[in-house]
Amino acid sequence: MVLTGFFFSILIMLSISFCACSSSTENKNSIKKSVGEPIDPALVKSLFNAKCGICHGEDGKMNYAGAKDLTLSILTKAEILAQIKYGKGSMPPQNGVLDDEQIDALADYTLALPK
C-alpha cells in the first residue's frame, strides 16, 4: 500500500515536470499584447507562474525539487539570466524555449520579488 502511494506520487511529479518543461518551438508565452507595445507586467507574472512558479512558487519562496527561495537571492541580473537560459541542477534550461526578451523580463521580475 505504501509503495503504491509512493509510485503514484512519482508518476504525478513526472507528469508535472514533463508538462512544465515542454520544449515546443511555438511561442505561447508572449509578454507583449502586440509588437511595439511595452511589456505587460501581468503577462510577465503569468509567464513566471507557468515556468518558474511550479518549483519556486508564485511568491518565489517555495522550495520544491531543490528550488531556491528567490527572495533570498543575492545573484546579479547576469547570473540570473545565465541560470534561466542554461538551467542549474534540476532547473531546465529555457534558452530556445523562451526568447531573450522573455528571459530578460523573468530576470527583472525575479529581482523585483519582495525581499
Protein backbone atom coordinates (compact mmCIF):
# COMPACT_ATOMS: atom_id res chain seq x y z
CA MET A 1 0.00 0.00 0.00
CA VAL A 2 2.79 2.42 0.90
CA LEU A 3 4.69 1.54 -2.28
CA THR A 4 1.59 2.18 -4.38
CA GLY A 5 1.27 5.68 -2.92
CA PHE A 6 4.98 6.30 -3.46
CA PHE A 7 4.84 5.26 -7.11
CA PHE A 8 1.67 7.29 -7.65
CA SER A 9 3.45 10.37 -6.22
CA ILE A 10 6.42 9.81 -8.53
CA LEU A 11 4.09 9.47 -11.52
CA ILE A 12 2.37 12.75 -10.68
CA MET A 13 5.69 14.58 -10.25
CA LEU A 14 6.97 13.27 -13.58
CA SER A 15 3.77 14.32 -15.33
CA ILE A 16 4.04 17.83 -13.92
CA SER A 17 7.72 18.04 -14.89
CA PHE A 18 7.08 17.00 -18.47
CA CYS A 19 4.25 19.49 -18.84
CA ALA A 20 6.26 22.32 -17.27
CA CYS A 21 9.39 21.62 -19.28
CA SER A 22 7.78 21.44 -22.68
CA SER A 23 10.22 22.37 -25.42
CA SER A 24 7.68 23.35 -28.02
CA THR A 25 9.07 25.75 -30.59
CA GLU A 26 5.72 27.52 -30.75
CA ASN A 27 5.84 30.62 -28.53
CA LYS A 28 2.67 30.65 -26.45
CA ASN A 29 4.19 32.79 -23.70
CA SER A 30 4.17 36.22 -25.31
CA ILE A 31 4.75 39.05 -22.86
CA LYS A 32 3.54 41.78 -25.20
CA LYS A 33 -0.01 42.27 -26.36
CA SER A 34 1.31 43.27 -29.77
CA VAL A 35 4.58 44.20 -31.45
CA GLY A 36 5.88 47.59 -30.39
CA GLU A 37 3.90 47.73 -27.14
CA PRO A 38 5.66 47.76 -23.77
CA ILE A 39 5.92 44.55 -21.79
CA ASP A 40 2.76 43.84 -19.81
CA PRO A 41 3.64 43.15 -16.13
CA ALA A 42 0.60 40.88 -15.75
CA LEU A 43 1.81 38.76 -18.66
CA VAL A 44 5.31 38.52 -17.14
CA LYS A 45 3.76 37.41 -13.84
CA SER A 46 1.72 34.81 -15.71
CA LEU A 47 4.86 33.59 -17.51
CA PHE A 48 6.73 33.40 -14.18
CA ASN A 49 3.91 31.38 -12.62
CA ALA A 50 3.84 28.99 -15.58
CA LYS A 51 7.59 28.49 -15.97
CA CYS A 52 9.08 29.18 -12.55
CA GLY A 53 6.24 29.07 -10.04
CA ILE A 54 5.95 25.30 -10.26
CA CYS A 55 9.10 24.92 -8.15
CA HIS A 56 9.75 28.43 -6.81
CA GLY A 57 6.12 29.25 -6.00
CA GLU A 58 4.16 32.29 -7.12
CA ASP A 59 5.88 34.39 -4.45
CA GLY A 60 9.36 32.93 -5.17
CA LYS A 61 9.61 31.36 -1.71
CA MET A 62 8.65 27.73 -2.38
CA ASN A 63 11.49 25.22 -2.28
CA TYR A 64 10.24 22.32 -4.39
CA ALA A 65 12.71 19.95 -6.10
CA GLY A 66 15.72 21.85 -4.77
CA ALA A 67 14.48 25.26 -5.93
CA LYS A 68 15.96 28.17 -4.01
CA ASP A 69 13.95 30.87 -2.26
CA LEU A 70 14.26 33.65 -4.84
CA THR A 71 13.51 36.34 -2.27
CA LEU A 72 16.82 35.49 -0.55
CA SER A 73 18.86 35.52 -3.75
CA ILE A 74 21.96 37.71 -3.98
CA LEU A 75 22.63 36.87 -7.64
CA THR A 76 23.27 39.61 -10.17
CA LYS A 77 20.99 40.02 -13.17
CA ALA A 78 23.69 38.46 -15.39
CA GLU A 79 23.83 35.39 -13.11
CA ILE A 80 20.03 35.10 -13.09
CA LEU A 81 19.93 35.38 -16.89
CA ALA A 82 22.51 32.59 -17.18
CA GLN A 83 20.56 30.31 -14.84
CA ILE A 84 17.30 30.89 -16.71
CA LYS A 85 18.97 30.35 -20.09
CA TYR A 86 21.13 27.35 -19.23
CA GLY A 87 19.44 25.89 -16.16
CA LYS A 88 21.07 24.64 -12.98
CA GLY A 89 20.59 21.39 -11.12
CA SER A 90 17.05 20.19 -11.77
CA MET A 91 16.07 23.56 -13.28
CA PRO A 92 15.63 23.06 -17.03
CA PRO A 93 17.26 25.49 -19.48
CA GLN A 94 14.86 27.93 -21.14
CA ASN A 95 17.21 29.01 -23.95
CA GLY A 96 15.34 28.11 -27.12
CA VAL A 97 12.09 27.64 -25.20
CA LEU A 98 11.71 31.32 -24.32
CA ASP A 99 13.06 34.23 -26.33
CA ASP A 100 15.65 36.68 -24.97
CA GLU A 101 13.00 39.29 -24.19
CA GLN A 102 11.03 36.82 -22.09
CA ILE A 103 14.15 35.64 -20.27
CA ASP A 104 15.15 39.24 -19.57
CA ALA A 105 11.65 40.04 -18.27
CA LEU A 106 11.76 36.97 -15.98
CA ALA A 107 15.14 38.08 -14.60
CA ASP A 108 13.75 41.55 -13.86
CA TYR A 109 10.67 40.01 -12.27
CA THR A 110 12.85 37.81 -10.07
CA LEU A 111 14.94 40.79 -8.97
CA ALA A 112 11.76 42.70 -8.08
CA LEU A 113 10.35 39.99 -5.80
CA PRO A 114 9.84 41.33 -2.26
CA LYS A 115 12.91 40.69 -0.13
